[in-house]
């Protein structure tokens, strides 16, 4: 069976979804919202790359890309 990831926008939606899932006896897990920084710091390689990028930006070595140019 597939996994479905649902992102309720507020507490009311979350409670309603939980009631529906409980009614159908569908197991589910509540997880706190994730922070991208947690992922970036999750491995030593990611951590090193993140800190290197922050240092490069601090030293003016970062690259600025305009949003309109991002997908060109």
PDB file of N, CA and C in Angstrom:
ATOM      1  N   UNK A   1       0.831  -1.175   0.000  1.00  0.00           N
ATOM      2  CA  UNK A   1       0.000   0.000   0.000  1.00  0.00           C
ATOM      3  C   UNK A   1       0.878   1.242   0.000  1.00  0.00           C
ATOM      4  N   UNK A   2       0.418   2.314  -0.579  1.00  0.00           N
ATOM      5  CA  UNK A   2       1.178   3.553  -0.659  1.00  0.00           C
ATOM      6  C   UNK A   2       1.062   4.357   0.628  1.00  0.00           C
ATOM      7  N   UNK A   3       2.028   5.230   0.813  1.00  0.00           N
ATOM      8  CA  UNK A   3       1.990   6.189   1.906  1.00  0.00           C
ATOM      9  C   UNK A   3       1.508   7.519   1.356  1.00  0.00           C
ATOM     10  N   UNK A   4       0.605   8.156   2.077  1.00  0.00           N
ATOM     11  CA  UNK A   4       0.093   9.462   1.683  1.00  0.00           C
ATOM     12  C   UNK A   4       0.555  10.470   2.731  1.00  0.00           C
ATOM     13  N   UNK A   5       1.194  11.528   2.285  1.00  0.00           N
ATOM     14  CA  UNK A   5       1.645  12.582   3.192  1.00  0.00           C
ATOM     15  C   UNK A   5       0.666  13.751   3.060  1.00  0.00           C
ATOM     16  N   UNK A   6       0.083  14.150   4.174  1.00  0.00           N
ATOM     17  CA  UNK A   6      -0.908  15.223   4.184  1.00  0.00           C
ATOM     18  C   UNK A   6      -0.363  16.366   5.031  1.00  0.00           C
ATOM     19  N   UNK A   7      -0.541  17.586   4.554  1.00  0.00           N
ATOM     20  CA  UNK A   7      -0.041  18.761   5.270  1.00  0.00           C
ATOM     21  C   UNK A   7      -1.218  19.674   5.638  1.00  0.00           C
ATOM     22  N   UNK A   8      -1.883  19.411   6.750  1.00  0.00           N
ATOM     23  CA  UNK A   8      -2.980  20.294   7.136  1.00  0.00           C
ATOM     24  C   UNK A   8      -2.462  21.713   7.385  1.00  0.00           C
ATOM     25  N   UNK A   9      -3.294  22.680   7.044  1.00  0.00           N
ATOM     26  CA  UNK A   9      -2.890  24.080   7.165  1.00  0.00           C
ATOM     27  C   UNK A   9      -3.173  24.668   8.533  1.00  0.00           C
ATOM     28  N   UNK A  10      -4.002  23.990   9.316  1.00  0.00           N
ATOM     29  CA  UNK A  10      -4.312  24.505  10.645  1.00  0.00           C
ATOM     30  C   UNK A  10      -4.766  23.368  11.553  1.00  0.00           C
ATOM     31  N   UNK A  11      -4.959  23.681  12.818  1.00  0.00           N
ATOM     32  CA  UNK A  11      -5.313  22.664  13.808  1.00  0.00           C
ATOM     33  C   UNK A  11      -6.696  22.067  13.525  1.00  0.00           C
ATOM     34  N   UNK A  12      -7.614  22.879  13.028  1.00  0.00           N
ATOM     35  CA  UNK A  12      -8.955  22.391  12.711  1.00  0.00           C
ATOM     36  C   UNK A  12      -8.906  21.296  11.642  1.00  0.00           C
ATOM     37  N   UNK A  13      -8.123  21.518  10.597  1.00  0.00           N
ATOM     38  CA  UNK A  13      -7.970  20.512   9.543  1.00  0.00           C
ATOM     39  C   UNK A  13      -7.321  19.254  10.095  1.00  0.00           C
ATOM     40  N   UNK A  14      -6.320  19.426  10.930  1.00  0.00           N
ATOM     41  CA  UNK A  14      -5.634  18.272  11.495  1.00  0.00           C
ATOM     42  C   UNK A  14      -6.586  17.424  12.326  1.00  0.00           C
ATOM     43  N   UNK A  15      -7.382  18.046  13.164  1.00  0.00           N
ATOM     44  CA  UNK A  15      -8.336  17.301  13.997  1.00  0.00           C
ATOM     45  C   UNK A  15      -9.365  16.578  13.140  1.00  0.00           C
ATOM     46  N   UNK A  16      -9.871  17.253  12.104  1.00  0.00           N
ATOM     47  CA  UNK A  16     -10.856  16.631  11.218  1.00  0.00           C
ATOM     48  C   UNK A  16     -10.265  15.410  10.514  1.00  0.00           C
ATOM     49  N   UNK A  17      -9.044  15.542  10.035  1.00  0.00           N
ATOM     50  CA  UNK A  17      -8.389  14.419   9.365  1.00  0.00           C
ATOM     51  C   UNK A  17      -8.167  13.256  10.319  1.00  0.00           C
ATOM     52  N   UNK A  18      -7.779  13.556  11.548  1.00  0.00           N
ATOM     53  CA  UNK A  18      -7.563  12.503  12.532  1.00  0.00           C
ATOM     54  C   UNK A  18      -8.868  11.777  12.835  1.00  0.00           C
ATOM     55  N   UNK A  19      -9.971  12.500  12.920  1.00  0.00           N
ATOM     56  CA  UNK A  19     -11.281  11.880  13.167  1.00  0.00           C
ATOM     57  C   UNK A  19     -11.643  10.937  12.029  1.00  0.00           C
ATOM     58  N   UNK A  20     -11.424  11.398  10.795  1.00  0.00           N
ATOM     59  CA  UNK A  20     -11.725  10.557   9.629  1.00  0.00           C
ATOM     60  C   UNK A  20     -10.852   9.307   9.628  1.00  0.00           C
ATOM     61  N   UNK A  21      -9.563   9.485   9.849  1.00  0.00           N
ATOM     62  CA  UNK A  21      -8.651   8.340   9.846  1.00  0.00           C
ATOM     63  C   UNK A  21      -8.994   7.368  10.958  1.00  0.00           C
ATOM     64  N   UNK A  22      -9.314   7.889  12.136  1.00  0.00           N
ATOM     65  CA  UNK A  22      -9.728   7.020  13.240  1.00  0.00           C
ATOM     66  C   UNK A  22     -10.995   6.246  12.878  1.00  0.00           C
ATOM     67  N   UNK A  23     -11.942   6.927  12.225  1.00  0.00           N
ATOM     68  CA  UNK A  23     -13.202   6.288  11.828  1.00  0.00           C
ATOM     69  C   UNK A  23     -12.982   5.131  10.866  1.00  0.00           C
ATOM     70  N   UNK A  24     -12.029   5.266   9.992  1.00  0.00           N
ATOM     71  CA  UNK A  24     -11.707   4.200   9.034  1.00  0.00           C
ATOM     72  C   UNK A  24     -10.644   3.243   9.565  1.00  0.00           C
ATOM     73  N   UNK A  25     -10.215   3.465  10.801  1.00  0.00           N
ATOM     74  CA  UNK A  25      -9.169   2.650  11.435  1.00  0.00           C
ATOM     75  C   UNK A  25      -7.889   2.612  10.588  1.00  0.00           C
ATOM     76  N   UNK A  26      -7.531   3.791  10.061  1.00  0.00           N
ATOM     77  CA  UNK A  26      -6.301   3.939   9.278  1.00  0.00           C
ATOM     78  C   UNK A  26      -5.211   4.413  10.239  1.00  0.00           C
ATOM     79  N   UNK A  27      -4.119   3.649  10.352  1.00  0.00           N
ATOM     80  CA  UNK A  27      -3.044   4.095  11.241  1.00  0.00           C
ATOM     81  C   UNK A  27      -2.350   5.337  10.681  1.00  0.00           C
ATOM     82  N   UNK A  28      -1.939   6.219  11.566  1.00  0.00           N
ATOM     83  CA  UNK A  28      -1.239   7.426  11.162  1.00  0.00           C
ATOM     84  C   UNK A  28      -0.278   7.842  12.267  1.00  0.00           C
ATOM     85  N   UNK A  29       0.641   8.705  11.908  1.00  0.00           N
ATOM     86  CA  UNK A  29       1.621   9.231  12.862  1.00  0.00           C
ATOM     87  C   UNK A  29       1.603  10.743  12.780  1.00  0.00           C
ATOM     88  N   UNK A  30       1.672  11.384  13.918  1.00  0.00           N
ATOM     89  CA  UNK A  30       1.812  12.839  13.973  1.00  0.00           C
ATOM     90  C   UNK A  30       3.283  13.166  14.151  1.00  0.00           C
ATOM     91  N   UNK A  31       3.823  13.974  13.260  1.00  0.00           N
ATOM     92  CA  UNK A  31       5.210  14.389  13.362  1.00  0.00           C
ATOM     93  C   UNK A  31       5.272  15.903  13.398  1.00  0.00           C
ATOM     94  N   UNK A  32       6.166  16.445  14.197  1.00  0.00           N
ATOM     95  CA  UNK A  32       6.295  17.905  14.212  1.00  0.00           C
ATOM     96  C   UNK A  32       6.825  18.385  12.861  1.00  0.00           C
ATOM     97  N   UNK A  33       6.519  19.619  12.500  1.00  0.00           N
ATOM     98  CA  UNK A  33       7.039  20.139  11.233  1.00  0.00           C
ATOM     99  C   UNK A  33       8.564  20.055  11.214  1.00  0.00           C
ATOM    100  N   UNK A  34       9.097  19.704  10.060  1.00  0.00           N
ATOM    101  CA  UNK A  34      10.546  19.583   9.961  1.00  0.00           C
ATOM    102  C   UNK A  34      11.158  20.907   9.514  1.00  0.00           C
ATOM    103  N   UNK A  35      12.367  21.088   9.894  1.00  0.00           N
ATOM    104  CA  UNK A  35      13.116  22.289   9.556  1.00  0.00           C
ATOM    105  C   UNK A  35      14.223  21.866   8.598  1.00  0.00           C
ATOM    106  N   UNK A  36      14.396  22.600   7.514  1.00  0.00           N
ATOM    107  CA  UNK A  36      15.428  22.246   6.534  1.00  0.00           C
ATOM    108  C   UNK A  36      16.805  22.192   7.183  1.00  0.00           C
ATOM    109  N   UNK A  37      17.022  23.007   8.203  1.00  0.00           N
ATOM    110  CA  UNK A  37      18.321  23.021   8.871  1.00  0.00           C
ATOM    111  C   UNK A  37      18.602  21.675   9.533  1.00  0.00           C
ATOM    112  N   UNK A  38      17.562  21.043  10.073  1.00  0.00           N
ATOM    113  CA  UNK A  38      17.745  19.717  10.679  1.00  0.00           C
ATOM    114  C   UNK A  38      18.304  18.733   9.655  1.00  0.00           C
ATOM    115  N   UNK A  39      17.758  18.773   8.435  1.00  0.00           N
ATOM    116  CA  UNK A  39      18.252  17.886   7.386  1.00  0.00           C
ATOM    117  C   UNK A  39      19.693  18.233   7.035  1.00  0.00           C
ATOM    118  N   UNK A  40      19.974  19.520   6.890  1.00  0.00           N
ATOM    119  CA  UNK A  40      21.319  19.937   6.491  1.00  0.00           C
ATOM    120  C   UNK A  40      22.363  19.563   7.534  1.00  0.00           C
ATOM    121  N   UNK A  41      21.959  19.456   8.772  1.00  0.00           N
ATOM    122  CA  UNK A  41      22.895  19.095   9.834  1.00  0.00           C
ATOM    123  C   UNK A  41      22.830  17.611  10.186  1.00  0.00           C
ATOM    124  N   UNK A  42      22.066  16.822   9.428  1.00  0.00           N
ATOM    125  CA  UNK A  42      21.836  15.421   9.784  1.00  0.00           C
ATOM    126  C   UNK A  42      23.043  14.513   9.546  1.00  0.00           C
ATOM    127  N   UNK A  43      23.929  14.888   8.647  1.00  0.00           N
ATOM    128  CA  UNK A  43      25.135  14.083   8.418  1.00  0.00           C
ATOM    129  C   UNK A  43      26.357  15.003   8.489  1.00  0.00           C
ATOM    130  N   UNK A  44      27.489  14.409   8.745  1.00  0.00           N
ATOM    131  CA  UNK A  44      28.726  15.189   8.850  1.00  0.00           C
ATOM    132  C   UNK A  44      29.056  15.872   7.522  1.00  0.00           C
ATOM    133  N   UNK A  45      28.818  15.176   6.398  1.00  0.00           N
ATOM    134  CA  UNK A  45      29.106  15.760   5.085  1.00  0.00           C
ATOM    135  C   UNK A  45      28.205  16.965   4.827  1.00  0.00           C
ATOM    136  N   UNK A  46      26.918  16.833   5.145  1.00  0.00           N
ATOM    137  CA  UNK A  46      25.996  17.962   4.965  1.00  0.00           C
ATOM    138  C   UNK A  46      26.402  19.135   5.853  1.00  0.00           C
ATOM    139  N   UNK A  47      26.767  18.826   7.086  1.00  0.00           N
ATOM    140  CA  UNK A  47      27.142  19.865   8.042  1.00  0.00           C
ATOM    141  C   UNK A  47      28.360  20.645   7.545  1.00  0.00           C
ATOM    142  N   UNK A  48      29.366  19.917   7.055  1.00  0.00           N
ATOM    143  CA  UNK A  48      30.575  20.571   6.549  1.00  0.00           C
ATOM    144  C   UNK A  48      30.253  21.478   5.367  1.00  0.00           C
ATOM    145  N   UNK A  49      29.412  20.975   4.446  1.00  0.00           N
ATOM    146  CA  UNK A  49      29.062  21.761   3.262  1.00  0.00           C
ATOM    147  C   UNK A  49      28.276  23.009   3.653  1.00  0.00           C
ATOM    148  N   UNK A  50      27.358  22.870   4.608  1.00  0.00           N
ATOM    149  CA  UNK A  50      26.571  24.015   5.058  1.00  0.00           C
ATOM    150  C   UNK A  50      27.469  25.086   5.667  1.00  0.00           C
ATOM    151  N   UNK A  51      28.350  24.670   6.577  1.00  0.00           N
ATOM    152  CA  UNK A  51      29.235  25.640   7.228  1.00  0.00           C
ATOM    153  C   UNK A  51      30.198  26.282   6.232  1.00  0.00           C
ATOM    154  N   UNK A  52      30.638  25.509   5.243  1.00  0.00           N
ATOM    155  CA  UNK A  52      31.518  26.057   4.202  1.00  0.00           C
ATOM    156  C   UNK A  52      30.766  27.104   3.389  1.00  0.00           C
ATOM    157  N   UNK A  53      29.519  26.808   3.033  1.00  0.00           N
ATOM    158  CA  UNK A  53      28.718  27.752   2.252  1.00  0.00           C
ATOM    159  C   UNK A  53      28.448  29.024   3.049  1.00  0.00           C
ATOM    160  N   UNK A  54      28.167  28.877   4.336  1.00  0.00           N
ATOM    161  CA  UNK A  54      27.934  30.056   5.178  1.00  0.00           C
ATOM    162  C   UNK A  54      29.188  30.914   5.274  1.00  0.00           C
ATOM    163  N   UNK A  55      30.338  30.273   5.385  1.00  0.00           N
ATOM    164  CA  UNK A  55      31.616  31.006   5.459  1.00  0.00           C
ATOM    165  C   UNK A  55      31.901  31.718   4.141  1.00  0.00           C
ATOM    166  N   UNK A  56      31.628  31.025   3.017  1.00  0.00           N
ATOM    167  CA  UNK A  56      31.833  31.648   1.710  1.00  0.00           C
ATOM    168  C   UNK A  56      30.938  32.874   1.554  1.00  0.00           C
ATOM    169  N   UNK A  57      29.693  32.762   1.979  1.00  0.00           N
ATOM    170  CA  UNK A  57      28.781  33.891   1.884  1.00  0.00           C
ATOM    171  C   UNK A  57      29.254  35.048   2.762  1.00  0.00           C
ATOM    172  N   UNK A  58      29.722  34.717   3.943  1.00  0.00           N
ATOM    173  CA  UNK A  58      30.227  35.729   4.870  1.00  0.00           C
ATOM    174  C   UNK A  58      31.416  36.482   4.262  1.00  0.00           C
ATOM    175  N   UNK A  59      32.237  35.782   3.484  1.00  0.00           N
ATOM    176  CA  UNK A  59      33.415  36.368   2.850  1.00  0.00           C
ATOM    177  C   UNK A  59      33.106  37.009   1.500  1.00  0.00           C
ATOM    178  N   UNK A  60      31.828  37.100   1.157  1.00  0.00           N
ATOM    179  CA  UNK A  60      31.443  37.725  -0.106  1.00  0.00           C
ATOM    180  C   UNK A  60      31.641  36.836  -1.308  1.00  0.00           C
ATOM    181  N   UNK A  61      31.800  35.539  -1.104  1.00  0.00           N
ATOM    182  CA  UNK A  61      32.046  34.615  -2.208  1.00  0.00           C
ATOM    183  C   UNK A  61      30.768  33.928  -2.691  1.00  0.00           C
ATOM    184  N   UNK A  62      29.629  34.314  -2.140  1.00  0.00           N
ATOM    185  CA  UNK A  62      28.360  33.700  -2.534  1.00  0.00           C
ATOM    186  C   UNK A  62      27.946  34.139  -3.923  1.00  0.00           C
ATOM    187  N   UNK A  63      27.032  33.414  -4.495  1.00  0.00           N
ATOM    188  CA  UNK A  63      26.521  33.725  -5.834  1.00  0.00           C
ATOM    189  C   UNK A  63      25.061  34.129  -5.683  1.00  0.00           C
ATOM    190  N   UNK A  64      24.704  35.261  -6.247  1.00  0.00           N
ATOM    191  CA  UNK A  64      23.322  35.728  -6.196  1.00  0.00           C
ATOM    192  C   UNK A  64      22.648  35.409  -7.512  1.00  0.00           C
ATOM    193  N   UNK A  65      21.494  34.745  -7.433  1.00  0.00           N
ATOM    194  CA  UNK A  65      20.717  34.404  -8.625  1.00  0.00           C
ATOM    195  C   UNK A  65      19.336  34.997  -8.434  1.00  0.00           C
ATOM    196  N   UNK A  66      18.897  35.808  -9.406  1.00  0.00           N
ATOM    197  CA  UNK A  66      17.570  36.390  -9.339  1.00  0.00           C
ATOM    198  C   UNK A  66      16.527  35.287  -9.552  1.00  0.00           C
ATOM    199  N   UNK A  67      15.413  35.413  -8.890  1.00  0.00           N
ATOM    200  CA  UNK A  67      14.369  34.408  -8.971  1.00  0.00           C
ATOM    201  C   UNK A  67      13.918  34.173 -10.404  1.00  0.00           C
ATOM    202  N   UNK A  68      13.829  35.242 -11.188  1.00  0.00           N
ATOM    203  CA  UNK A  68      13.403  35.110 -12.584  1.00  0.00           C
ATOM    204  C   UNK A  68      14.417  34.317 -13.416  1.00  0.00           C
ATOM    205  N   UNK A  69      15.682  34.298 -12.992  1.00  0.00           N
ATOM    206  CA  UNK A  69      16.731  33.613 -13.740  1.00  0.00           C
ATOM    207  C   UNK A  69      16.966  32.184 -13.250  1.00  0.00           C
ATOM    208  N   UNK A  70      16.271  31.807 -12.202  1.00  0.00           N
ATOM    209  CA  UNK A  70      16.528  30.513 -11.561  1.00  0.00           C
ATOM    210  C   UNK A  70      16.321  29.326 -12.501  1.00  0.00           C
ATOM    211  N   UNK A  71      15.282  29.352 -13.322  1.00  0.00           N
ATOM    212  CA  UNK A  71      14.970  28.201 -14.156  1.00  0.00           C
ATOM    213  C   UNK A  71      15.380  28.389 -15.611  1.00  0.00           C
ATOM    214  N   UNK A  72      16.259  29.343 -15.877  1.00  0.00           N
ATOM    215  CA  UNK A  72      16.730  29.556 -17.252  1.00  0.00           C
ATOM    216  C   UNK A  72      17.820  28.585 -17.602  1.00  0.00           C
TER     217      UNK A  72
END
